[in-house]
């Protein structure tokens, strides 16, 4: 990602990672997709928990590894997809995820690399890296989804 379209932040706890997800969700337009990438236990689900709190007021989310897709909210919805168990792009396509991307909701896709060919070009990419103990380095990159000034806003909203 280019530095003009991305920002790198470090969180020091799961709660900070959730707050960052909350901040991003407040900036997301309806119909937006957030593609989440990173190793196991790197903070993706914590981040989505914050997104769910901002969108649906629901902090009780869990990783949908066994259900694959969870839906949160009513007036404004968040679809949380976890593609970890899927082995091919065909399996992802069979879920009908492209319809979710085109819906009047926000989609958060964990293990987004497994759906790369199906992801909308206009989206937000978030990459998570372990940075020791509970610290995470998180790069958020905009691919034409967010309004100008989003980087400064998310830095201000984060903590």
N, C-alpha and C. Protein backbone atom coordinates (compact mmCIF):
# COMPACT_ATOMS: atom_id res chain seq x y z
N UNK A 1 0.84 -1.18 0.00
CA UNK A 1 0.00 0.00 0.00
C UNK A 1 0.88 1.24 0.00
N UNK A 2 0.43 2.24 -0.68
CA UNK A 2 1.22 3.47 -0.69
C UNK A 2 0.93 4.26 0.57
N UNK A 3 1.90 5.03 1.01
CA UNK A 3 1.76 5.79 2.25
C UNK A 3 0.66 6.86 2.13
N UNK A 4 0.33 7.29 0.91
CA UNK A 4 -0.71 8.29 0.73
C UNK A 4 -2.10 7.71 0.94
N UNK A 5 -2.22 6.39 0.85
CA UNK A 5 -3.53 5.78 1.01
C UNK A 5 -3.59 4.85 2.21
N UNK A 6 -2.55 4.89 3.07
CA UNK A 6 -2.54 3.99 4.22
C UNK A 6 -1.97 4.68 5.46
N UNK A 7 -2.23 4.02 6.58
CA UNK A 7 -1.70 4.48 7.86
C UNK A 7 -1.32 3.24 8.65
N UNK A 8 -0.22 3.32 9.40
CA UNK A 8 0.22 2.22 10.25
C UNK A 8 0.11 2.68 11.70
N UNK A 9 -0.59 1.89 12.50
CA UNK A 9 -0.81 2.20 13.90
C UNK A 9 -0.41 1.00 14.75
N UNK A 10 -0.09 1.24 16.00
CA UNK A 10 0.22 0.15 16.93
C UNK A 10 -0.77 0.20 18.07
N UNK A 11 -1.38 -0.96 18.35
CA UNK A 11 -2.25 -1.06 19.52
C UNK A 11 -1.51 -1.86 20.58
N UNK A 12 -1.81 -1.57 21.85
CA UNK A 12 -1.09 -2.18 22.96
C UNK A 12 -1.94 -3.17 23.76
N UNK A 13 -3.20 -3.39 23.33
CA UNK A 13 -4.08 -4.31 24.04
C UNK A 13 -5.24 -4.70 23.12
N UNK A 14 -5.92 -5.79 23.45
CA UNK A 14 -7.12 -6.15 22.67
C UNK A 14 -8.15 -5.02 22.67
N UNK A 15 -8.28 -4.31 23.79
CA UNK A 15 -9.25 -3.21 23.88
C UNK A 15 -8.89 -2.08 22.90
N UNK A 16 -7.61 -1.79 22.76
CA UNK A 16 -7.20 -0.75 21.80
C UNK A 16 -7.46 -1.22 20.37
N UNK A 17 -7.25 -2.50 20.11
CA UNK A 17 -7.53 -3.04 18.78
C UNK A 17 -9.02 -2.92 18.48
N UNK A 18 -9.87 -3.21 19.47
CA UNK A 18 -11.31 -3.05 19.30
C UNK A 18 -11.67 -1.59 19.03
N UNK A 19 -11.06 -0.67 19.77
CA UNK A 19 -11.36 0.75 19.56
C UNK A 19 -10.96 1.20 18.16
N UNK A 20 -9.88 0.66 17.64
CA UNK A 20 -9.48 1.00 16.28
C UNK A 20 -10.51 0.48 15.28
N UNK A 21 -11.01 -0.73 15.50
CA UNK A 21 -12.08 -1.26 14.64
C UNK A 21 -13.33 -0.40 14.70
N UNK A 22 -13.65 0.05 15.90
CA UNK A 22 -14.80 0.94 16.10
C UNK A 22 -14.60 2.24 15.32
N UNK A 23 -13.41 2.80 15.39
CA UNK A 23 -13.12 4.05 14.69
C UNK A 23 -13.26 3.87 13.18
N UNK A 24 -12.74 2.78 12.65
CA UNK A 24 -12.86 2.55 11.21
C UNK A 24 -14.31 2.37 10.81
N UNK A 25 -15.08 1.62 11.58
CA UNK A 25 -16.48 1.38 11.24
C UNK A 25 -17.27 2.69 11.15
N UNK A 26 -16.93 3.65 12.01
CA UNK A 26 -17.63 4.95 11.97
C UNK A 26 -17.35 5.70 10.67
N UNK A 27 -16.22 5.39 10.04
CA UNK A 27 -15.84 6.06 8.79
C UNK A 27 -16.33 5.31 7.54
N UNK A 28 -16.75 4.07 7.71
CA UNK A 28 -17.13 3.24 6.57
C UNK A 28 -18.49 3.64 6.01
N UNK A 29 -18.56 3.80 4.69
CA UNK A 29 -19.87 4.03 4.08
C UNK A 29 -20.64 2.72 3.99
N UNK A 30 -21.95 2.83 3.92
CA UNK A 30 -22.77 1.65 3.71
C UNK A 30 -22.36 1.02 2.37
N UNK A 31 -22.31 -0.30 2.34
CA UNK A 31 -21.88 -1.00 1.14
C UNK A 31 -20.38 -1.22 1.08
N UNK A 32 -19.68 -0.87 2.14
CA UNK A 32 -18.22 -0.98 2.17
C UNK A 32 -17.75 -2.36 2.59
N UNK A 33 -16.57 -2.73 2.11
CA UNK A 33 -15.94 -3.99 2.46
C UNK A 33 -14.59 -3.72 3.11
N UNK A 34 -14.33 -4.45 4.20
CA UNK A 34 -13.04 -4.38 4.88
C UNK A 34 -12.40 -5.75 4.77
N UNK A 35 -11.26 -5.82 4.11
CA UNK A 35 -10.53 -7.08 3.91
C UNK A 35 -9.44 -7.17 4.97
N UNK A 36 -9.55 -8.18 5.85
CA UNK A 36 -8.65 -8.35 6.98
C UNK A 36 -7.67 -9.49 6.72
N UNK A 37 -6.38 -9.19 6.91
CA UNK A 37 -5.34 -10.20 6.70
C UNK A 37 -4.39 -10.20 7.88
N UNK A 38 -3.85 -11.38 8.20
CA UNK A 38 -2.89 -11.49 9.28
C UNK A 38 -2.89 -12.91 9.81
N UNK A 39 -1.85 -13.22 10.57
CA UNK A 39 -1.70 -14.57 11.14
C UNK A 39 -2.81 -14.85 12.15
N UNK A 40 -2.91 -16.12 12.55
CA UNK A 40 -3.82 -16.50 13.62
C UNK A 40 -3.54 -15.66 14.86
N UNK A 41 -4.58 -15.27 15.56
CA UNK A 41 -4.47 -14.52 16.83
C UNK A 41 -3.74 -13.19 16.68
N UNK A 42 -3.84 -12.58 15.51
CA UNK A 42 -3.17 -11.29 15.32
C UNK A 42 -4.07 -10.10 15.59
N UNK A 43 -5.35 -10.34 15.93
CA UNK A 43 -6.23 -9.24 16.30
C UNK A 43 -7.40 -9.00 15.38
N UNK A 44 -7.58 -9.83 14.37
CA UNK A 44 -8.65 -9.61 13.40
C UNK A 44 -10.03 -9.63 14.06
N UNK A 45 -10.30 -10.63 14.89
CA UNK A 45 -11.62 -10.74 15.52
C UNK A 45 -11.83 -9.62 16.53
N UNK A 46 -10.81 -9.21 17.27
CA UNK A 46 -10.93 -8.07 18.18
C UNK A 46 -11.33 -6.81 17.40
N UNK A 47 -10.70 -6.62 16.26
CA UNK A 47 -10.98 -5.47 15.41
C UNK A 47 -12.44 -5.49 14.96
N UNK A 48 -12.91 -6.66 14.52
CA UNK A 48 -14.29 -6.78 14.06
C UNK A 48 -15.26 -6.60 15.22
N UNK A 49 -14.88 -7.02 16.42
CA UNK A 49 -15.72 -6.79 17.59
C UNK A 49 -15.97 -5.29 17.78
N UNK A 50 -14.93 -4.49 17.60
CA UNK A 50 -15.10 -3.04 17.66
C UNK A 50 -15.98 -2.51 16.55
N UNK A 51 -15.82 -3.06 15.35
CA UNK A 51 -16.68 -2.66 14.24
C UNK A 51 -18.14 -2.95 14.57
N UNK A 52 -18.40 -4.14 15.12
CA UNK A 52 -19.77 -4.53 15.46
C UNK A 52 -20.36 -3.60 16.53
N UNK A 53 -19.54 -3.18 17.46
CA UNK A 53 -20.01 -2.26 18.50
C UNK A 53 -20.45 -0.95 17.85
N UNK A 54 -19.65 -0.43 16.91
CA UNK A 54 -19.97 0.84 16.27
C UNK A 54 -21.20 0.72 15.37
N UNK A 55 -21.32 -0.38 14.65
CA UNK A 55 -22.41 -0.55 13.69
C UNK A 55 -23.70 -0.99 14.36
N UNK A 56 -23.59 -1.97 15.28
CA UNK A 56 -24.79 -2.61 15.81
C UNK A 56 -24.92 -2.51 17.32
N UNK A 57 -23.95 -1.88 17.98
CA UNK A 57 -23.98 -1.83 19.44
C UNK A 57 -23.77 -3.18 20.08
N UNK A 58 -23.16 -4.13 19.35
CA UNK A 58 -23.04 -5.51 19.82
C UNK A 58 -21.57 -5.89 20.02
N UNK A 59 -21.08 -5.89 21.26
CA UNK A 59 -19.70 -6.26 21.52
C UNK A 59 -19.50 -7.75 21.73
N UNK A 60 -20.56 -8.55 21.63
CA UNK A 60 -20.47 -9.97 21.98
C UNK A 60 -20.15 -10.87 20.80
N UNK A 61 -19.50 -10.35 19.78
CA UNK A 61 -19.23 -11.18 18.61
C UNK A 61 -18.10 -12.16 18.90
N UNK A 62 -18.09 -13.21 18.12
CA UNK A 62 -17.04 -14.22 18.20
C UNK A 62 -16.64 -14.55 16.78
N UNK A 63 -15.52 -15.22 16.63
CA UNK A 63 -15.07 -15.61 15.31
C UNK A 63 -16.05 -16.63 14.73
N UNK A 64 -16.57 -16.37 13.53
CA UNK A 64 -17.57 -17.27 12.95
C UNK A 64 -16.93 -18.44 12.21
N UNK A 65 -15.85 -18.99 12.73
CA UNK A 65 -15.11 -20.03 12.04
C UNK A 65 -15.99 -21.22 11.66
N UNK A 66 -16.98 -21.55 12.49
CA UNK A 66 -17.80 -22.71 12.18
C UNK A 66 -19.05 -22.34 11.41
N UNK A 67 -19.54 -21.11 11.55
CA UNK A 67 -20.71 -20.70 10.80
C UNK A 67 -20.34 -19.95 9.53
N UNK A 68 -19.12 -19.52 9.42
CA UNK A 68 -18.54 -18.79 8.29
C UNK A 68 -19.03 -17.36 8.15
N UNK A 69 -20.34 -17.11 8.33
CA UNK A 69 -20.87 -15.75 8.19
C UNK A 69 -21.81 -15.46 9.35
N UNK A 70 -21.57 -14.34 10.02
CA UNK A 70 -22.47 -13.85 11.07
C UNK A 70 -22.95 -12.46 10.67
N UNK A 71 -24.16 -12.14 11.08
CA UNK A 71 -24.77 -10.85 10.77
C UNK A 71 -25.09 -10.13 12.08
N UNK A 72 -24.75 -8.84 12.15
CA UNK A 72 -25.01 -8.03 13.34
C UNK A 72 -25.72 -6.75 12.93
N UNK A 73 -26.65 -6.30 13.76
CA UNK A 73 -27.34 -5.05 13.53
C UNK A 73 -28.67 -5.22 12.83
N UNK A 74 -29.40 -4.11 12.74
CA UNK A 74 -30.69 -4.15 12.05
C UNK A 74 -30.79 -3.01 11.05
N UNK A 75 -30.84 -1.77 11.50
CA UNK A 75 -30.93 -0.65 10.56
C UNK A 75 -29.67 -0.58 9.69
N UNK A 76 -28.53 -0.65 10.32
CA UNK A 76 -27.25 -0.73 9.62
C UNK A 76 -26.66 -2.08 10.00
N UNK A 77 -26.23 -2.86 9.02
CA UNK A 77 -25.77 -4.22 9.29
C UNK A 77 -24.28 -4.38 9.03
N UNK A 78 -23.71 -5.33 9.77
CA UNK A 78 -22.34 -5.76 9.57
C UNK A 78 -22.36 -7.26 9.32
N UNK A 79 -21.81 -7.68 8.20
CA UNK A 79 -21.60 -9.10 7.94
C UNK A 79 -20.15 -9.40 8.27
N UNK A 80 -19.93 -10.42 9.09
CA UNK A 80 -18.59 -10.84 9.51
C UNK A 80 -18.34 -12.21 8.90
N UNK A 81 -17.40 -12.28 7.98
CA UNK A 81 -17.05 -13.52 7.30
C UNK A 81 -15.69 -13.99 7.78
N UNK A 82 -15.58 -15.28 8.08
CA UNK A 82 -14.30 -15.87 8.45
C UNK A 82 -14.03 -17.01 7.48
N UNK A 83 -13.08 -16.82 6.59
CA UNK A 83 -12.82 -17.77 5.50
C UNK A 83 -11.69 -18.73 5.83
N UNK A 84 -11.27 -18.80 7.08
CA UNK A 84 -10.13 -19.61 7.48
C UNK A 84 -10.24 -21.07 7.03
N UNK A 85 -11.41 -21.67 7.20
CA UNK A 85 -11.56 -23.10 6.90
C UNK A 85 -11.73 -23.39 5.42
N UNK A 86 -11.88 -22.39 4.59
CA UNK A 86 -12.12 -22.63 3.17
C UNK A 86 -10.80 -22.78 2.43
N UNK A 87 -10.78 -23.74 1.51
CA UNK A 87 -9.54 -24.07 0.84
C UNK A 87 -9.40 -23.55 -0.58
N UNK A 88 -10.49 -23.06 -1.16
CA UNK A 88 -10.39 -22.61 -2.55
C UNK A 88 -11.33 -21.44 -2.80
N UNK A 89 -11.04 -20.71 -3.86
CA UNK A 89 -11.88 -19.58 -4.26
C UNK A 89 -13.28 -20.08 -4.63
N UNK A 90 -13.37 -21.30 -5.15
CA UNK A 90 -14.68 -21.86 -5.50
C UNK A 90 -15.55 -22.03 -4.26
N UNK A 91 -14.96 -22.48 -3.16
CA UNK A 91 -15.72 -22.63 -1.92
C UNK A 91 -16.22 -21.27 -1.42
N UNK A 92 -15.39 -20.26 -1.57
CA UNK A 92 -15.79 -18.91 -1.16
C UNK A 92 -16.94 -18.43 -2.05
N UNK A 93 -16.82 -18.64 -3.35
CA UNK A 93 -17.86 -18.20 -4.28
C UNK A 93 -19.19 -18.89 -4.00
N UNK A 94 -19.14 -20.16 -3.58
CA UNK A 94 -20.36 -20.90 -3.28
C UNK A 94 -21.13 -20.29 -2.11
N UNK A 95 -20.47 -19.54 -1.25
CA UNK A 95 -21.14 -18.88 -0.14
C UNK A 95 -22.01 -17.71 -0.59
N UNK A 96 -21.79 -17.23 -1.82
CA UNK A 96 -22.54 -16.07 -2.30
C UNK A 96 -22.04 -14.75 -1.74
N UNK A 97 -20.76 -14.69 -1.42
CA UNK A 97 -20.22 -13.49 -0.78
C UNK A 97 -20.31 -12.25 -1.67
N UNK A 98 -20.29 -12.42 -2.97
CA UNK A 98 -20.35 -11.26 -3.85
C UNK A 98 -21.65 -10.49 -3.65
N UNK A 99 -22.73 -11.19 -3.32
CA UNK A 99 -24.00 -10.52 -3.03
C UNK A 99 -23.88 -9.68 -1.76
N UNK A 100 -23.14 -10.18 -0.78
CA UNK A 100 -22.94 -9.42 0.46
C UNK A 100 -22.14 -8.15 0.19
N UNK A 101 -21.14 -8.25 -0.69
CA UNK A 101 -20.31 -7.10 -1.00
C UNK A 101 -21.13 -6.00 -1.68
N UNK A 102 -22.16 -6.39 -2.40
CA UNK A 102 -23.00 -5.43 -3.12
C UNK A 102 -24.21 -4.99 -2.31
N UNK A 103 -24.31 -5.41 -1.07
CA UNK A 103 -25.50 -5.11 -0.27
C UNK A 103 -25.37 -3.76 0.43
N UNK A 104 -26.45 -3.37 1.07
CA UNK A 104 -26.47 -2.11 1.83
C UNK A 104 -26.00 -2.36 3.25
N UNK A 105 -24.86 -2.98 3.38
CA UNK A 105 -24.29 -3.30 4.69
C UNK A 105 -22.79 -3.06 4.62
N UNK A 106 -22.12 -3.38 5.72
CA UNK A 106 -20.66 -3.37 5.73
C UNK A 106 -20.22 -4.82 5.88
N UNK A 107 -19.22 -5.23 5.13
CA UNK A 107 -18.69 -6.59 5.23
C UNK A 107 -17.27 -6.55 5.75
N UNK A 108 -17.01 -7.34 6.78
CA UNK A 108 -15.67 -7.51 7.32
C UNK A 108 -15.26 -8.95 7.01
N UNK A 109 -14.18 -9.12 6.25
CA UNK A 109 -13.78 -10.43 5.76
C UNK A 109 -12.44 -10.83 6.35
N UNK A 110 -12.46 -11.78 7.31
CA UNK A 110 -11.22 -12.33 7.85
C UNK A 110 -10.67 -13.35 6.86
N UNK A 111 -9.34 -13.42 6.77
CA UNK A 111 -8.65 -14.29 5.82
C UNK A 111 -9.05 -13.91 4.39
N UNK A 112 -9.06 -12.61 4.12
CA UNK A 112 -9.51 -12.06 2.85
C UNK A 112 -8.70 -12.57 1.65
N UNK A 113 -7.47 -12.98 1.91
CA UNK A 113 -6.65 -13.48 0.80
C UNK A 113 -7.29 -14.69 0.12
N UNK A 114 -8.18 -15.38 0.82
CA UNK A 114 -8.85 -16.55 0.25
C UNK A 114 -9.99 -16.16 -0.68
N UNK A 115 -10.33 -14.88 -0.70
CA UNK A 115 -11.40 -14.39 -1.57
C UNK A 115 -10.88 -13.30 -2.50
N UNK A 116 -9.58 -13.22 -2.66
CA UNK A 116 -8.95 -12.09 -3.37
C UNK A 116 -9.63 -11.77 -4.70
N UNK A 117 -9.90 -12.77 -5.51
CA UNK A 117 -10.48 -12.52 -6.84
C UNK A 117 -11.93 -12.07 -6.78
N UNK A 118 -12.59 -12.25 -5.65
CA UNK A 118 -13.99 -11.88 -5.51
C UNK A 118 -14.19 -10.54 -4.79
N UNK A 119 -13.16 -10.08 -4.11
CA UNK A 119 -13.27 -8.83 -3.35
C UNK A 119 -13.49 -7.64 -4.28
N UNK A 120 -14.32 -6.69 -3.85
CA UNK A 120 -14.48 -5.49 -4.67
C UNK A 120 -13.17 -4.70 -4.73
N UNK A 121 -12.92 -4.06 -5.86
CA UNK A 121 -11.71 -3.25 -6.00
C UNK A 121 -11.73 -2.08 -5.03
N UNK A 122 -12.90 -1.50 -4.84
CA UNK A 122 -13.07 -0.38 -3.91
C UNK A 122 -13.35 -0.98 -2.53
N UNK A 123 -12.37 -0.84 -1.62
CA UNK A 123 -12.48 -1.46 -0.30
C UNK A 123 -11.42 -0.87 0.62
N UNK A 124 -11.41 -1.35 1.85
CA UNK A 124 -10.37 -1.01 2.83
C UNK A 124 -9.63 -2.31 3.15
N UNK A 125 -8.32 -2.28 3.07
CA UNK A 125 -7.48 -3.43 3.43
C UNK A 125 -6.85 -3.17 4.79
N UNK A 126 -6.91 -4.18 5.66
CA UNK A 126 -6.30 -4.05 6.99
C UNK A 126 -5.39 -5.25 7.20
N UNK A 127 -4.13 -4.98 7.52
CA UNK A 127 -3.15 -6.05 7.74
C UNK A 127 -2.66 -5.98 9.19
N UNK A 128 -2.67 -7.14 9.85
CA UNK A 128 -2.31 -7.25 11.27
C UNK A 128 -1.00 -8.01 11.42
N UNK A 129 -0.12 -7.50 12.27
CA UNK A 129 1.13 -8.19 12.60
C UNK A 129 1.31 -8.19 14.12
N UNK A 130 1.79 -9.31 14.64
CA UNK A 130 2.16 -9.37 16.06
C UNK A 130 3.36 -8.45 16.27
N UNK A 131 3.34 -7.71 17.38
CA UNK A 131 4.46 -6.81 17.69
C UNK A 131 4.96 -7.06 19.12
N UNK A 132 4.73 -8.28 19.63
CA UNK A 132 5.17 -8.63 20.97
C UNK A 132 4.06 -8.47 21.99
N UNK A 133 3.90 -9.48 22.84
CA UNK A 133 2.86 -9.52 23.88
C UNK A 133 1.50 -9.17 23.27
N UNK A 134 0.81 -8.17 23.81
CA UNK A 134 -0.51 -7.80 23.30
C UNK A 134 -0.46 -6.70 22.24
N UNK A 135 0.75 -6.31 21.84
CA UNK A 135 0.90 -5.25 20.85
C UNK A 135 0.67 -5.79 19.43
N UNK A 136 0.01 -4.97 18.62
CA UNK A 136 -0.24 -5.30 17.22
C UNK A 136 0.11 -4.10 16.36
N UNK A 137 0.77 -4.35 15.24
CA UNK A 137 0.97 -3.32 14.24
C UNK A 137 -0.11 -3.54 13.20
N UNK A 138 -0.87 -2.50 12.93
CA UNK A 138 -2.03 -2.61 12.05
C UNK A 138 -1.91 -1.56 10.96
N UNK A 139 -1.88 -2.03 9.72
CA UNK A 139 -1.85 -1.12 8.57
C UNK A 139 -3.22 -1.10 7.93
N UNK A 140 -3.77 0.10 7.82
CA UNK A 140 -5.08 0.29 7.19
C UNK A 140 -4.83 1.02 5.88
N UNK A 141 -5.29 0.42 4.80
CA UNK A 141 -5.12 1.01 3.48
C UNK A 141 -6.44 1.21 2.78
N UNK A 142 -6.64 2.40 2.26
CA UNK A 142 -7.88 2.72 1.56
C UNK A 142 -7.70 2.50 0.06
N UNK A 143 -8.66 1.82 -0.52
CA UNK A 143 -8.71 1.62 -1.97
C UNK A 143 -9.95 2.31 -2.52
N UNK A 144 -10.06 3.61 -2.24
CA UNK A 144 -11.14 4.41 -2.79
C UNK A 144 -12.45 4.35 -2.04
N UNK A 145 -12.45 3.85 -0.80
CA UNK A 145 -13.68 3.68 -0.03
C UNK A 145 -13.92 4.83 0.93
N UNK A 146 -12.87 5.39 1.51
CA UNK A 146 -13.01 6.35 2.60
C UNK A 146 -12.91 7.80 2.11
N UNK A 147 -13.54 8.68 2.85
CA UNK A 147 -13.55 10.10 2.51
C UNK A 147 -12.17 10.72 2.78
N UNK A 148 -11.84 11.79 2.07
CA UNK A 148 -10.57 12.48 2.33
C UNK A 148 -10.46 12.86 3.81
N UNK A 149 -9.25 12.78 4.33
CA UNK A 149 -9.00 13.13 5.73
C UNK A 149 -9.21 11.96 6.69
N UNK A 150 -9.48 10.78 6.16
CA UNK A 150 -9.77 9.61 7.01
C UNK A 150 -8.59 9.24 7.89
N UNK A 151 -7.36 9.38 7.38
CA UNK A 151 -6.19 8.98 8.18
C UNK A 151 -6.07 9.80 9.45
N UNK A 152 -6.24 11.08 9.32
CA UNK A 152 -6.15 11.95 10.50
C UNK A 152 -7.30 11.65 11.46
N UNK A 153 -8.49 11.44 10.91
CA UNK A 153 -9.66 11.14 11.74
C UNK A 153 -9.47 9.86 12.52
N UNK A 154 -8.97 8.82 11.87
CA UNK A 154 -8.82 7.52 12.55
C UNK A 154 -7.74 7.61 13.62
N UNK A 155 -6.71 8.38 13.38
CA UNK A 155 -5.68 8.57 14.42
C UNK A 155 -6.30 9.25 15.63
N UNK A 156 -7.14 10.26 15.41
CA UNK A 156 -7.78 10.99 16.50
C UNK A 156 -8.80 10.12 17.24
N UNK A 157 -9.54 9.28 16.53
CA UNK A 157 -10.57 8.45 17.12
C UNK A 157 -10.01 7.23 17.82
N UNK A 158 -8.81 6.81 17.45
CA UNK A 158 -8.28 5.55 17.93
C UNK A 158 -8.21 5.46 19.44
N UNK A 159 -7.61 6.43 20.09
CA UNK A 159 -7.46 6.34 21.56
C UNK A 159 -7.96 7.54 22.29
